[in-house]
PDB file of all heavy atoms in Angstrom:
ATOM      1  N   PRO A   1     131.629  81.326 117.063  1.00  0.00           N
ATOM      2  CA  PRO A   1     131.133  81.262 118.465  1.00  0.00           C
ATOM      3  C   PRO A   1     131.082  82.717 119.077  1.00  0.00           C
ATOM      4  O   PRO A   1     132.058  83.488 118.787  1.00  0.00           O
ATOM      5  CB  PRO A   1     132.298  80.434 119.263  1.00  0.00           C
ATOM      6  CG  PRO A   1     132.841  79.560 118.171  1.00  0.00           C
ATOM      7  CD  PRO A   1     132.925  80.357 116.955  1.00  0.00           C
ATOM      8  N   GLY A   2     130.088  82.866 119.787  1.00  0.00           N
ATOM      9  CA  GLY A   2     129.808  84.164 120.271  1.00  0.00           C
ATOM     10  C   GLY A   2     129.203  85.128 119.255  1.00  0.00           C
ATOM     11  O   GLY A   2     128.774  86.284 119.759  1.00  0.00           O
ATOM     12  N   GLY A   3     129.023  84.819 118.165  1.00  0.00           N
ATOM     13  CA  GLY A   3     128.276  85.553 117.062  1.00  0.00           C
ATOM     14  C   GLY A   3     126.761  85.603 117.326  1.00  0.00           C
ATOM     15  O   GLY A   3     126.194  84.979 118.158  1.00  0.00           O
ATOM     16  N   SER A   4     126.133  86.262 116.284  1.00  0.00           N
ATOM     17  CA  SER A   4     124.707  86.422 116.307  1.00  0.00           C
ATOM     18  C   SER A   4     124.066  86.010 115.005  1.00  0.00           C
ATOM     19  O   SER A   4     124.819  86.109 113.910  1.00  0.00           O
ATOM     20  CB  SER A   4     124.310  87.778 116.696  1.00  0.00           C
ATOM     21  OG  SER A   4     124.803  88.306 117.972  1.00  0.00           O
ATOM     22  N   LEU A   5     122.931  85.599 114.975  1.00  0.00           N
ATOM     23  CA  LEU A   5     122.105  85.406 113.789  1.00  0.00           C
ATOM     24  C   LEU A   5     120.772  85.714 114.182  1.00  0.00           C
ATOM     25  O   LEU A   5     120.187  85.640 115.338  1.00  0.00           O
ATOM     26  CB  LEU A   5     122.098  83.910 113.454  1.00  0.00           C
ATOM     27  CG  LEU A   5     123.133  83.227 112.683  1.00  0.00           C
ATOM     28  CD1 LEU A   5     122.977  81.760 112.491  1.00  0.00           C
ATOM     29  CD2 LEU A   5     123.421  83.902 111.309  1.00  0.00           C
ATOM     30  N   ARG A   6     119.930  86.159 113.087  1.00  0.00           N
ATOM     31  CA  ARG A   6     118.544  86.464 113.288  1.00  0.00           C
ATOM     32  C   ARG A   6     117.748  85.660 112.244  1.00  0.00           C
ATOM     33  O   ARG A   6     118.028  85.773 110.998  1.00  0.00           O
ATOM     34  CB  ARG A   6     118.140  87.867 113.165  1.00  0.00           C
ATOM     35  CG  ARG A   6     116.803  88.221 113.578  1.00  0.00           C
ATOM     36  CD  ARG A   6     116.409  89.760 113.476  1.00  0.00           C
ATOM     37  NE  ARG A   6     116.040  90.207 112.195  1.00  0.00           N
ATOM     38  CZ  ARG A   6     115.197  91.170 112.071  1.00  0.00           C
ATOM     39  NH1 ARG A   6     114.655  91.720 113.050  1.00  0.00           N
ATOM     40  NH2 ARG A   6     115.023  91.632 110.814  1.00  0.00           N
ATOM     41  N   LEU A   7     116.941  84.805 112.714  1.00  0.00           N
ATOM     42  CA  LEU A   7     116.103  84.012 111.832  1.00  0.00           C
ATOM     43  C   LEU A   7     114.715  84.724 111.738  1.00  0.00           C
ATOM     44  O   LEU A   7     114.137  85.318 112.627  1.00  0.00           O
ATOM     45  CB  LEU A   7     115.820  82.607 112.410  1.00  0.00           C
ATOM     46  CG  LEU A   7     117.026  81.819 112.742  1.00  0.00           C
ATOM     47  CD1 LEU A   7     116.735  80.503 113.249  1.00  0.00           C
ATOM     48  CD2 LEU A   7     117.993  81.724 111.505  1.00  0.00           C
ATOM     49  N   SER A   8     114.134  84.552 110.527  1.00  0.00           N
ATOM     50  CA  SER A   8     112.675  85.087 110.209  1.00  0.00           C
ATOM     51  C   SER A   8     111.852  83.985 109.717  1.00  0.00           C
ATOM     52  O   SER A   8     112.352  83.061 109.123  1.00  0.00           O
ATOM     53  CB  SER A   8     112.821  86.253 109.167  1.00  0.00           C
ATOM     54  OG  SER A   8     113.758  87.196 109.569  1.00  0.00           O
ATOM     55  N   CYS A   9     110.650  84.112 110.064  1.00  0.00           N
ATOM     56  CA  CYS A   9     109.581  83.161 109.670  1.00  0.00           C
ATOM     57  C   CYS A   9     108.423  83.954 109.278  1.00  0.00           C
ATOM     58  O   CYS A   9     107.676  84.570 110.101  1.00  0.00           O
ATOM     59  CB  CYS A   9     109.390  82.139 110.787  1.00  0.00           C
ATOM     60  SG  CYS A   9     107.988  81.078 110.283  1.00  0.00           S
ATOM     61  N   ALA A  10     108.059  83.911 107.941  1.00  0.00           N
ATOM     62  CA  ALA A  10     106.877  84.707 107.430  1.00  0.00           C
ATOM     63  C   ALA A  10     105.761  83.668 107.212  1.00  0.00           C
ATOM     64  O   ALA A  10     106.008  82.678 106.595  1.00  0.00           O
ATOM     65  CB  ALA A  10     107.311  85.424 106.100  1.00  0.00           C
ATOM     66  N   ALA A  11     104.569  84.053 107.750  1.00  0.00           N
ATOM     67  CA  ALA A  11     103.460  83.244 107.667  1.00  0.00           C
ATOM     68  C   ALA A  11     102.478  83.861 106.638  1.00  0.00           C
ATOM     69  O   ALA A  11     102.376  84.928 106.598  1.00  0.00           O
ATOM     70  CB  ALA A  11     102.787  83.159 109.072  1.00  0.00           C
ATOM     71  N   SER A  12     101.807  82.947 105.981  1.00  0.00           N
ATOM     72  CA  SER A  12     100.759  83.301 105.026  1.00  0.00           C
ATOM     73  C   SER A  12      99.689  82.118 105.050  1.00  0.00           C
ATOM     74  O   SER A  12      99.821  81.223 105.570  1.00  0.00           O
ATOM     75  CB  SER A  12     101.317  83.412 103.606  1.00  0.00           C
ATOM     76  OG  SER A  12     101.809  82.293 103.113  1.00  0.00           O
ATOM     77  N   GLY A  13      98.589  82.554 104.396  1.00  0.00           N
ATOM     78  CA  GLY A  13      97.465  81.636 104.330  1.00  0.00           C
ATOM     79  C   GLY A  13      96.467  81.850 105.515  1.00  0.00           C
ATOM     80  O   GLY A  13      96.134  83.032 105.784  1.00  0.00           O
ATOM     81  N   SER A  14      96.056  80.925 106.235  1.00  0.00           N
ATOM     82  CA  SER A  14      95.009  81.004 107.288  1.00  0.00           C
ATOM     83  C   SER A  14      95.623  81.485 108.562  1.00  0.00           C
ATOM     84  O   SER A  14      95.593  80.849 109.688  1.00  0.00           O
ATOM     85  CB  SER A  14      94.294  79.711 107.468  1.00  0.00           C
ATOM     86  OG  SER A  14      93.671  79.204 106.337  1.00  0.00           O
ATOM     87  N   ILE A  15      96.289  82.714 108.578  1.00  0.00           N
ATOM     88  CA  ILE A  15      96.981  83.227 109.728  1.00  0.00           C
ATOM     89  C   ILE A  15      96.104  83.589 110.829  1.00  0.00           C
ATOM     90  O   ILE A  15      96.425  83.655 112.042  1.00  0.00           O
ATOM     91  CB  ILE A  15      97.907  84.397 109.404  1.00  0.00           C
ATOM     92  CG1 ILE A  15      96.863  85.604 108.723  1.00  0.00           C
ATOM     93  CG2 ILE A  15      98.965  83.951 108.358  1.00  0.00           C
ATOM     94  CD1 ILE A  15      97.658  86.778 108.502  1.00  0.00           C
ATOM     95  N   PHE A  16      94.766  83.696 110.575  1.00  0.00           N
ATOM     96  CA  PHE A  16      93.739  84.000 111.652  1.00  0.00           C
ATOM     97  C   PHE A  16      93.593  82.909 112.558  1.00  0.00           C
ATOM     98  O   PHE A  16      93.181  83.178 113.792  1.00  0.00           O
ATOM     99  CB  PHE A  16      92.485  84.382 110.985  1.00  0.00           C
ATOM    100  CG  PHE A  16      91.860  83.207 110.259  1.00  0.00           C
ATOM    101  CD1 PHE A  16      91.066  82.266 110.806  1.00  0.00           C
ATOM    102  CD2 PHE A  16      92.056  83.179 108.887  1.00  0.00           C
ATOM    103  CE1 PHE A  16      90.618  81.157 110.176  1.00  0.00           C
ATOM    104  CE2 PHE A  16      91.589  81.988 108.150  1.00  0.00           C
ATOM    105  CZ  PHE A  16      90.874  81.048 108.801  1.00  0.00           C
ATOM    106  N   SER A  17      94.092  81.728 112.209  1.00  0.00           N
ATOM    107  CA  SER A  17      93.890  80.574 112.903  1.00  0.00           C
ATOM    108  C   SER A  17      95.050  80.304 113.988  1.00  0.00           C
ATOM    109  O   SER A  17      95.046  79.439 114.805  1.00  0.00           O
ATOM    110  CB  SER A  17      93.778  79.321 112.073  1.00  0.00           C
ATOM    111  OG  SER A  17      94.825  79.078 111.467  1.00  0.00           O
ATOM    112  N   ILE A  18      96.159  81.003 113.793  1.00  0.00           N
ATOM    113  CA  ILE A  18      97.417  80.925 114.541  1.00  0.00           C
ATOM    114  C   ILE A  18      97.191  81.372 115.882  1.00  0.00           C
ATOM    115  O   ILE A  18      96.715  82.493 116.267  1.00  0.00           O
ATOM    116  CB  ILE A  18      98.483  81.510 113.880  1.00  0.00           C
ATOM    117  CG1 ILE A  18      98.771  81.053 112.516  1.00  0.00           C
ATOM    118  CG2 ILE A  18      99.712  81.504 114.810  1.00  0.00           C
ATOM    119  CD1 ILE A  18      99.852  81.768 111.784  1.00  0.00           C
ATOM    120  N   ALA A  19      97.536  80.481 116.974  1.00  0.00           N
ATOM    121  CA  ALA A  19      97.425  80.815 118.417  1.00  0.00           C
ATOM    122  C   ALA A  19      98.929  81.057 118.950  1.00  0.00           C
ATOM    123  O   ALA A  19      99.090  81.818 119.825  1.00  0.00           O
ATOM    124  CB  ALA A  19      96.845  79.745 119.193  1.00  0.00           C
ATOM    125  N   ALA A  20      99.873  80.425 118.350  1.00  0.00           N
ATOM    126  CA  ALA A  20     101.280  80.536 118.746  1.00  0.00           C
ATOM    127  C   ALA A  20     102.231  80.120 117.700  1.00  0.00           C
ATOM    128  O   ALA A  20     101.876  79.412 116.721  1.00  0.00           O
ATOM    129  CB  ALA A  20     101.545  79.676 119.958  1.00  0.00           C
ATOM    130  N   MET A  21     103.392  80.730 117.702  1.00  0.00           N
ATOM    131  CA  MET A  21     104.480  80.459 116.585  1.00  0.00           C
ATOM    132  C   MET A  21     105.670  80.236 117.426  1.00  0.00           C
ATOM    133  O   MET A  21     105.834  80.815 118.590  1.00  0.00           O
ATOM    134  CB  MET A  21     104.591  81.472 115.673  1.00  0.00           C
ATOM    135  CG  MET A  21     103.350  81.707 114.626  1.00  0.00           C
ATOM    136  SD  MET A  21     103.591  82.805 113.355  1.00  0.00           S
ATOM    137  CE  MET A  21     104.843  82.158 112.493  1.00  0.00           C
ATOM    138  N   GLY A  22     106.598  79.646 116.825  1.00  0.00           N
ATOM    139  CA  GLY A  22     107.887  79.590 117.575  1.00  0.00           C
ATOM    140  C   GLY A  22     108.927  78.789 116.648  1.00  0.00           C
ATOM    141  O   GLY A  22     108.727  78.633 115.462  1.00  0.00           O
ATOM    142  N   TRP A  23     109.909  78.357 117.325  1.00  0.00           N
ATOM    143  CA  TRP A  23     111.096  77.651 116.720  1.00  0.00           C
ATOM    144  C   TRP A  23     111.506  76.372 117.441  1.00  0.00           C
ATOM    145  O   TRP A  23     111.619  76.459 118.692  1.00  0.00           O
ATOM    146  CB  TRP A  23     112.322  78.580 116.617  1.00  0.00           C
ATOM    147  CG  TRP A  23     112.015  79.828 115.798  1.00  0.00           C
ATOM    148  CD1 TRP A  23     111.500  80.937 116.226  1.00  0.00           C
ATOM    149  CD2 TRP A  23     112.328  80.027 114.397  1.00  0.00           C
ATOM    150  NE1 TRP A  23     111.487  81.864 115.258  1.00  0.00           N
ATOM    151  CE2 TRP A  23     111.923  81.289 114.164  1.00  0.00           C
ATOM    152  CE3 TRP A  23     112.866  79.242 113.394  1.00  0.00           C
ATOM    153  CZ2 TRP A  23     112.102  81.798 112.832  1.00  0.00           C
ATOM    154  CZ3 TRP A  23     113.107  79.689 112.147  1.00  0.00           C
ATOM    155  CH2 TRP A  23     112.672  81.009 111.893  1.00  0.00           C
ATOM    156  N   TYR A  24     111.622  75.326 116.637  1.00  0.00           N
ATOM    157  CA  TYR A  24     112.281  74.046 117.179  1.00  0.00           C
ATOM    158  C   TYR A  24     113.660  73.970 116.500  1.00  0.00           C
ATOM    159  O   TYR A  24     113.820  74.604 115.456  1.00  0.00           O
ATOM    160  CB  TYR A  24     111.473  72.887 116.852  1.00  0.00           C
ATOM    161  CG  TYR A  24     110.381  72.521 117.806  1.00  0.00           C
ATOM    162  CD1 TYR A  24     109.150  73.244 117.811  1.00  0.00           C
ATOM    163  CD2 TYR A  24     110.362  71.441 118.576  1.00  0.00           C
ATOM    164  CE1 TYR A  24     108.152  73.066 118.721  1.00  0.00           C
ATOM    165  CE2 TYR A  24     109.443  71.126 119.484  1.00  0.00           C
ATOM    166  CZ  TYR A  24     108.288  71.927 119.504  1.00  0.00           C
ATOM    167  OH  TYR A  24     107.282  71.572 120.352  1.00  0.00           O
ATOM    168  N   ARG A  25     114.451  73.262 117.101  1.00  0.00           N
ATOM    169  CA  ARG A  25     115.732  72.895 116.452  1.00  0.00           C
ATOM    170  C   ARG A  25     116.006  71.496 116.448  1.00  0.00           C
ATOM    171  O   ARG A  25     115.686  70.815 117.400  1.00  0.00           O
ATOM    172  CB  ARG A  25     116.942  73.834 116.844  1.00  0.00           C
ATOM    173  CG  ARG A  25     117.360  73.447 118.203  1.00  0.00           C
ATOM    174  CD  ARG A  25     118.553  74.328 118.638  1.00  0.00           C
ATOM    175  NE  ARG A  25     118.834  74.168 120.061  1.00  0.00           N
ATOM    176  CZ  ARG A  25     119.578  74.912 120.828  1.00  0.00           C
ATOM    177  NH1 ARG A  25     119.978  76.119 120.298  1.00  0.00           N
ATOM    178  NH2 ARG A  25     119.957  74.598 122.047  1.00  0.00           N
ATOM    179  N   GLN A  26     116.939  71.049 115.528  1.00  0.00           N
ATOM    180  CA  GLN A  26     117.287  69.532 115.490  1.00  0.00           C
ATOM    181  C   GLN A  26     118.731  69.481 115.247  1.00  0.00           C
ATOM    182  O   GLN A  26     119.094  69.810 114.145  1.00  0.00           O
ATOM    183  CB  GLN A  26     116.388  68.773 114.537  1.00  0.00           C
ATOM    184  CG  GLN A  26     116.700  67.309 114.648  1.00  0.00           C
ATOM    185  CD  GLN A  26     115.683  66.460 113.841  1.00  0.00           C
ATOM    186  OE1 GLN A  26     115.006  67.001 113.010  1.00  0.00           O
ATOM    187  NE2 GLN A  26     115.565  65.287 114.235  1.00  0.00           N
ATOM    188  N   ALA A  27     119.440  69.152 116.166  1.00  0.00           N
ATOM    189  CA  ALA A  27     120.910  69.022 115.983  1.00  0.00           C
ATOM    190  C   ALA A  27     121.165  67.598 115.435  1.00  0.00           C
ATOM    191  O   ALA A  27     120.290  66.670 115.477  1.00  0.00           O
ATOM    192  CB  ALA A  27     121.560  69.127 117.356  1.00  0.00           C
TER     193      ALA A  27
END
């Protein structure tokens, strides 16, 4: 608790079509 993490998400393929990216989570 109180710590940090950094998540990365690398995209490939038809990246020209991307309008937005982000993160969802599921507990």
